[in-house]
Protein backbone atom coordinates (compact mmCIF):
# COMPACT_ATOMS: atom_id res chain seq x y z
CA MET A 1 -17.44 -16.99 -44.91
CA ALA A 2 -17.02 -13.18 -43.88
CA GLN A 3 -14.22 -11.54 -45.25
CA VAL A 4 -11.96 -9.18 -43.46
CA ILE A 5 -11.69 -5.90 -45.16
CA GLU A 6 -9.69 -3.66 -42.92
CA GLN A 7 -8.17 -4.71 -39.35
CA PHE A 8 -6.90 -2.24 -37.01
CA THR A 9 -5.46 -2.48 -33.46
CA VAL A 10 -6.38 -0.12 -30.52
CA HIS A 11 -3.82 0.17 -28.19
CA THR A 12 -4.68 1.04 -24.34
CA PRO A 13 -2.23 3.54 -23.02
CA LEU A 14 -2.26 2.33 -19.26
CA GLY A 15 -3.16 -0.87 -17.52
CA ILE A 16 -2.68 -1.52 -14.14
CA ARG A 17 -2.68 -4.96 -12.09
CA LEU A 18 -3.89 -4.19 -8.44
CA TRP A 19 -2.37 -6.78 -5.80
CA ASP A 20 -2.67 -7.72 -2.11
CA PRO A 21 0.54 -8.77 -0.41
CA VAL A 22 -1.32 -10.23 2.39
CA THR A 23 -2.81 -12.98 0.60
CA ASP A 24 -0.35 -12.51 -2.27
CA ARG A 25 -3.06 -12.54 -4.68
CA GLN A 26 -4.57 -10.33 -7.56
CA ILE A 27 -7.06 -8.15 -6.47
CA ARG A 28 -10.14 -8.57 -8.99
CA GLY A 29 -13.69 -6.59 -9.03
CA ASP A 30 -15.30 -4.36 -6.66
CA MET A 31 -12.61 -1.62 -7.34
CA HIS A 32 -12.76 2.20 -8.40
CA VAL A 33 -10.17 3.03 -10.51
CA VAL A 34 -10.26 6.51 -12.35
CA ALA A 35 -7.53 8.71 -14.18
CA TYR A 36 -7.37 12.38 -15.55
CA PRO A 37 -4.76 14.58 -16.88
CA ALA A 38 -2.87 16.36 -13.96
CA HIS A 39 -3.89 19.75 -15.58
CA SER A 40 -7.59 18.71 -15.92
CA PRO A 41 -9.25 16.91 -12.89
CA HIS A 42 -12.52 17.26 -14.15
CA ALA A 43 -11.80 15.20 -17.30
CA ARG A 44 -12.12 11.89 -15.55
CA SER A 45 -12.12 8.36 -17.27
CA ASN A 46 -13.18 5.24 -15.36
CA ALA A 47 -11.07 2.09 -16.06
CA TYR A 48 -12.81 -1.28 -17.02
CA SER A 49 -11.47 -4.41 -16.01
CA THR A 50 -10.27 -7.31 -18.32
CA ARG A 51 -10.70 -10.78 -18.21
CA GLY A 52 -7.32 -11.11 -16.74
CA GLY A 53 -8.36 -8.61 -14.00
CA VAL A 54 -6.29 -5.85 -15.25
CA TYR A 55 -7.65 -2.31 -14.94
CA THR A 56 -7.20 -0.45 -18.22
CA PHE A 57 -8.45 2.90 -19.75
CA ARG A 58 -9.58 3.96 -23.03
CA HIS A 59 -10.08 7.53 -24.70
CA LEU A 60 -7.80 9.31 -22.13
CA LYS A 61 -7.53 12.79 -22.91
CA GLY A 62 -4.67 13.45 -25.10
CA MET A 63 -3.92 9.62 -25.68
CA ARG A 64 -5.99 9.07 -29.15
CA GLY A 65 -2.66 8.93 -31.24
CA ILE A 66 -1.19 6.35 -28.93
CA GLU A 67 -4.41 4.39 -28.78
CA TYR A 68 -4.84 4.22 -32.59
CA GLY A 69 -1.32 4.23 -33.57
CA TYR A 70 -0.68 7.71 -35.09
CA THR A 71 2.06 7.99 -32.38
CA THR A 72 4.87 5.01 -31.41
CA GLY A 73 6.70 6.50 -28.99
CA ASP A 74 9.81 5.10 -30.08
CA GLU A 75 13.27 6.51 -29.79
CA VAL A 76 13.06 7.68 -33.38
CA SER A 77 9.99 9.55 -32.87
CA PRO A 78 9.01 9.71 -29.43
CA ALA A 79 5.60 10.58 -28.37
CA GLU A 80 4.67 13.92 -26.19
CA LYS A 81 4.46 12.75 -22.62
CA HIS A 82 1.34 13.81 -20.47
CA ASP A 83 1.06 13.54 -16.69
CA PHE A 84 -2.04 11.67 -15.36
CA ILE A 85 -3.31 11.44 -12.12
CA VAL A 86 -4.64 8.04 -11.00
CA GLU A 87 -7.17 7.07 -8.00
CA ILE A 88 -7.97 4.00 -6.70
CA SER A 89 -10.56 2.95 -4.21
CA ASP A 90 -12.37 0.00 -2.78
CA LYS A 91 -16.08 -0.19 -2.99
CA LEU A 92 -16.14 -2.58 -0.23
CA ALA A 93 -13.75 -0.81 2.05
CA ARG A 94 -11.02 -3.31 2.30
CA TYR A 95 -8.19 -1.42 0.98
CA LEU A 96 -7.33 2.09 1.54
CA SER A 97 -7.57 4.56 -1.09
CA VAL A 98 -4.32 5.81 -3.11
CA SER A 99 -3.63 8.26 -5.69
CA LEU A 100 -0.40 8.51 -7.84
CA ARG A 101 1.02 10.53 -10.75
CA ILE A 102 1.54 8.35 -14.05
CA GLU A 103 3.51 9.84 -17.16
CA LEU A 104 2.00 8.59 -20.38
CA PRO A 105 2.60 6.96 -22.59
CA LEU A 106 4.88 4.47 -20.53
CA SER A 107 8.32 3.99 -21.50
CA TYR A 108 7.67 0.20 -21.81
CA ARG A 109 5.11 -2.23 -23.22
CA GLY A 110 2.88 -4.05 -20.68
CA VAL A 111 0.78 -3.07 -17.68
CA PHE A 112 2.33 -0.26 -15.28
CA LEU A 113 5.24 -1.58 -13.08
CA SER A 114 5.83 -4.42 -15.44
CA ASP A 115 9.23 -3.18 -16.75
CA THR A 116 12.12 -4.22 -14.33
CA ALA A 117 13.38 -0.72 -14.01
CA ALA A 118 10.15 0.23 -11.98
CA GLY A 119 10.72 -2.31 -9.57
CA SER A 120 12.91 -3.69 -7.11
CA PRO A 121 16.49 -4.82 -8.36
CA HIS A 122 15.62 -8.46 -7.77
CA GLU A 123 11.99 -8.84 -8.77
CA ILE A 124 9.48 -7.50 -10.64
CA PRO A 125 6.45 -6.37 -8.79
CA LYS A 126 3.31 -8.55 -9.32
CA GLY A 127 1.27 -5.16 -9.26
CA LEU A 128 0.39 -2.16 -7.41
CA TYR A 129 0.35 -3.03 -3.79
CA LEU A 130 -2.70 -2.04 -1.70
CA TYR A 131 -2.76 -2.07 1.91
CA SER A 132 -5.53 -2.99 4.48
CA ALA A 133 -8.09 -0.53 5.68
CA PRO A 134 -9.19 -0.77 9.37
CA THR A 135 -12.50 -1.64 8.11
CA ARG A 136 -11.06 -4.99 6.32
CA SER A 137 -12.56 -7.94 7.91
CA VAL A 138 -9.82 -10.64 9.32
CA PRO A 139 -9.54 -14.22 7.91
CA GLY A 140 -9.21 -16.57 10.60
CA TRP A 141 -5.62 -18.02 9.43
CA MET A 142 -4.52 -14.27 9.71
CA ALA A 143 -2.51 -12.75 12.63
CA ILE A 144 -3.30 -9.14 13.18
CA ILE A 145 -1.77 -5.84 14.41
CA ARG A 146 -4.05 -2.64 14.62
CA GLY A 147 -4.25 0.40 16.61
CA GLU A 148 -4.23 4.24 16.36
CA LEU A 149 -1.40 6.59 15.74
CA VAL A 150 -1.28 10.09 17.23
CA ASN A 151 1.54 13.00 16.79
CA GLN A 152 2.98 13.60 20.12
CA GLU A 153 4.02 17.29 19.01
CA THR A 154 0.47 18.17 17.70
CA GLY A 155 -1.95 15.76 19.35
CA ASP A 156 -3.40 15.39 16.05
CA ALA A 157 -3.98 11.74 14.10
CA ALA A 158 -0.71 10.74 12.60
CA ALA A 159 -2.55 10.46 8.96
CA HIS A 160 -0.97 8.45 6.16
CA ALA A 161 2.11 7.17 7.82
CA LEU A 162 3.73 3.93 6.94
CA LEU A 163 4.41 1.15 9.37
CA ARG A 164 6.65 -2.17 9.42
CA VAL A 165 6.70 -5.13 11.43
CA MET A 166 9.71 -7.31 11.27
CA THR A 167 9.93 -10.91 12.67
CA VAL A 168 13.01 -12.36 14.36
CA ASP A 169 13.55 -14.27 10.97
CA GLY A 170 13.46 -10.94 9.01
CA GLU A 171 10.33 -10.93 7.41
CA GLU A 172 8.54 -7.75 7.03
CA TRP A 173 5.24 -6.54 6.44
CA TYR A 174 3.66 -3.25 6.11
CA GLY A 175 0.55 -1.19 6.92
CA VAL A 176 -0.56 2.35 6.40
CA SER A 177 -2.78 4.34 8.44
CA ASP A 178 -5.84 6.31 7.10
CA ALA A 179 -6.58 9.95 7.44
CA GLU A 180 -7.73 9.43 11.25
CA GLY A 181 -4.35 7.72 12.04
CA ARG A 182 -6.12 4.11 12.26
CA TYR A 183 -4.06 1.34 10.84
CA THR A 184 -4.43 -2.65 10.41
CA ILE A 185 -1.51 -4.87 9.38
CA MET A 186 -2.38 -8.57 8.59
CA LEU A 187 0.05 -11.29 8.53
CA PRO A 188 0.29 -15.04 8.16
CA TYR A 189 1.34 -16.26 11.66
CA PRO A 190 5.24 -17.20 11.77
CA ASP A 191 6.67 -20.45 12.11
CA LEU A 192 5.99 -21.56 15.66
CA PRO A 193 8.92 -20.70 17.87
CA ALA A 194 8.53 -23.46 20.45
CA GLY A 195 6.88 -25.92 18.24
CA PHE A 196 3.32 -27.34 18.34
CA SER A 197 1.70 -29.90 20.35
CA GLY A 198 -1.69 -31.38 20.37
CA SER A 199 -3.25 -33.32 23.09
CA PRO A 200 -1.41 -34.62 25.18
CA LEU A 201 1.40 -32.20 25.24
CA SER A 202 4.82 -33.58 23.85
CA PRO A 203 7.98 -32.53 26.18
CA GLY A 204 9.21 -28.99 25.03
CA HIS A 205 6.18 -27.96 23.62
CA LYS A 206 3.28 -25.49 24.20
CA PRO A 207 -0.48 -25.97 23.01
CA LEU A 208 -1.18 -23.43 19.98
CA ALA A 209 -3.03 -21.02 22.46
CA ASP A 210 -0.11 -20.34 24.19
CA GLN A 211 2.30 -19.74 21.24
CA PHE A 212 3.77 -15.85 20.84
CA TRP A 213 6.03 -14.17 18.55
CA ASP A 214 8.46 -11.34 19.29
CA MET A 215 8.35 -8.73 16.85
CA ASP A 216 9.54 -5.09 16.15
CA LEU A 217 7.43 -2.36 15.10
CA GLU A 218 8.46 1.08 12.96
CA VAL A 219 6.81 3.80 12.02
CA PHE A 220 7.83 6.13 8.95
CA TYR A 221 6.14 9.52 9.36
CA SER A 222 7.32 12.73 7.77
CA PRO A 223 4.06 14.73 7.00
CA ALA A 224 5.90 17.75 5.42
CA THR A 225 7.01 15.29 2.77
CA GLN A 226 3.55 13.83 1.82
CA VAL A 227 2.91 15.25 -1.54
CA SER A 228 -0.59 16.24 -2.43
CA LEU A 229 -1.69 15.70 -6.12
CA PRO A 230 -4.16 17.91 -8.33
CA GLY A 231 -7.95 17.02 -7.91
CA THR A 232 -7.42 14.92 -4.89
CA ILE A 233 -7.25 14.65 -1.11
CA ILE A 234 -5.39 11.38 -1.09
CA PRO A 235 -1.52 12.06 -0.62
CA SER A 236 0.60 10.72 -3.43
CA TYR A 237 1.34 6.88 -3.09
CA LEU A 238 5.05 7.29 -3.62
CA SER A 239 5.35 10.01 -1.12
CA ILE A 240 3.59 7.94 1.70
CA LEU A 241 5.96 4.90 0.96
CA SER A 242 8.98 7.12 1.00
CA GLN A 243 8.73 8.72 4.55
CA ASP A 244 11.50 9.06 6.92
CA ALA A 245 11.88 7.14 10.00
CA ALA A 246 9.64 8.51 12.93
CA THR A 247 10.18 8.02 16.56
CA ILE A 248 7.92 6.14 18.78
CA TRP A 249 6.89 6.86 22.68
CA PRO A 250 6.59 3.50 24.69
CA ILE A 251 6.03 6.04 27.51
CA ALA A 252 4.92 9.58 27.19
CA ALA A 253 7.35 12.59 27.17
CA ASP A 254 5.31 14.21 30.08
CA ASP A 255 5.61 11.02 31.93
CA GLY A 256 9.50 10.90 31.71
CA GLY A 257 9.27 8.81 28.74
CA MET A 258 12.06 8.42 25.70
CA ALA A 259 11.43 8.15 22.24
CA VAL A 260 12.64 5.01 20.60
CA ALA A 261 13.30 4.13 16.80
CA SER A 262 11.42 0.89 17.12
CA LEU A 263 8.95 -0.92 19.60
CA PRO A 264 9.09 -4.22 20.85
CA ILE A 265 5.68 -6.07 20.57
CA VAL A 266 4.16 -9.48 21.17
CA LEU A 267 2.11 -11.33 18.75
CA GLU A 268 -0.19 -13.99 20.18
CA TYR A 269 -2.08 -16.61 18.63
CA ASN A 270 -5.74 -15.70 17.89
CA LYS A 271 -5.40 -12.20 19.30
CA SER A 272 -5.26 -8.86 18.00
CA THR A 273 -2.28 -6.93 19.17
CA ASN A 274 -2.91 -3.42 19.91
CA PRO A 275 0.69 -1.23 20.25
CA ARG A 276 -0.11 1.81 22.64
CA THR A 277 1.61 4.23 24.81
CA ASP A 278 1.79 3.66 28.54
CA GLY A 279 -1.45 4.77 29.59
CA PHE A 280 -2.89 6.00 26.41
CA THR A 281 -5.39 4.23 23.84
CA THR A 282 -3.31 5.17 21.15
CA LEU A 283 0.65 5.14 20.24
CA LEU A 284 1.99 8.40 20.12
CA VAL A 285 4.94 9.07 17.76
CA SER A 286 6.83 12.20 16.64
CA PRO A 287 7.47 12.87 12.88
CA ALA A 288 10.90 12.57 11.22
CA VAL A 289 12.79 15.95 11.60
CA SER A 290 12.81 17.75 8.09
CA SER A 291 16.41 18.37 6.93
CA PRO A 292 17.01 22.45 6.83
């Protein structure tokens, strides 16, 4: 029998669990995740996936003491903090790419966002949420809202805007526009408002093909607050999610329209919903006004 002469433990300074809010499942495989020091974008390290599907890193620059236990990061002897940039992209083009700044070592044990303080007051995030790309295929059991956003003020694509769809029951679903202003929001079909009927029809019920749901669409878009991170063209994930509310133009200003804070939309069963400004193939939005 072999005898263990010496044993040591290597700690990974960063692990990230990726999550799909549409299917409420962990994203495993086919992802490209890299990290590098904010001051040294060329010193890139690729993550590897564990058996549990967590993307982790080894040999990050400046993290050797943390990995091999030379420094602990406790309150008595706090470890030196380092800013890292993390880029996440999907090899299969299902999800939009994201970038974020993370300070290492983390102030807690576990994967990124596993600390209660890093999530909402009521729920620890299951992982880092990724949002659907316009190129993502749509499962047959999902509803879809897709379109293209254009900046009313400049005529350019409203890139990296955050969109929110709200149902009458108060459920919220999100999407993010890509660099060309295109977006896709996927969501499970809400409960049937008029009940479901087979054949023959029951009194007061509609066939599934005639079902529809009223919803409201909001856009959060303030390009002046989108933050560029060193070494990447992808705006900061946090700055995208924290944008201020934009206004939406159901009818263009040149046609006498007025901007609104939210746009009523109708989701029909088995049909793609494409919100747009009247007379346009796109939806015009005005960015949030920056505070002086």
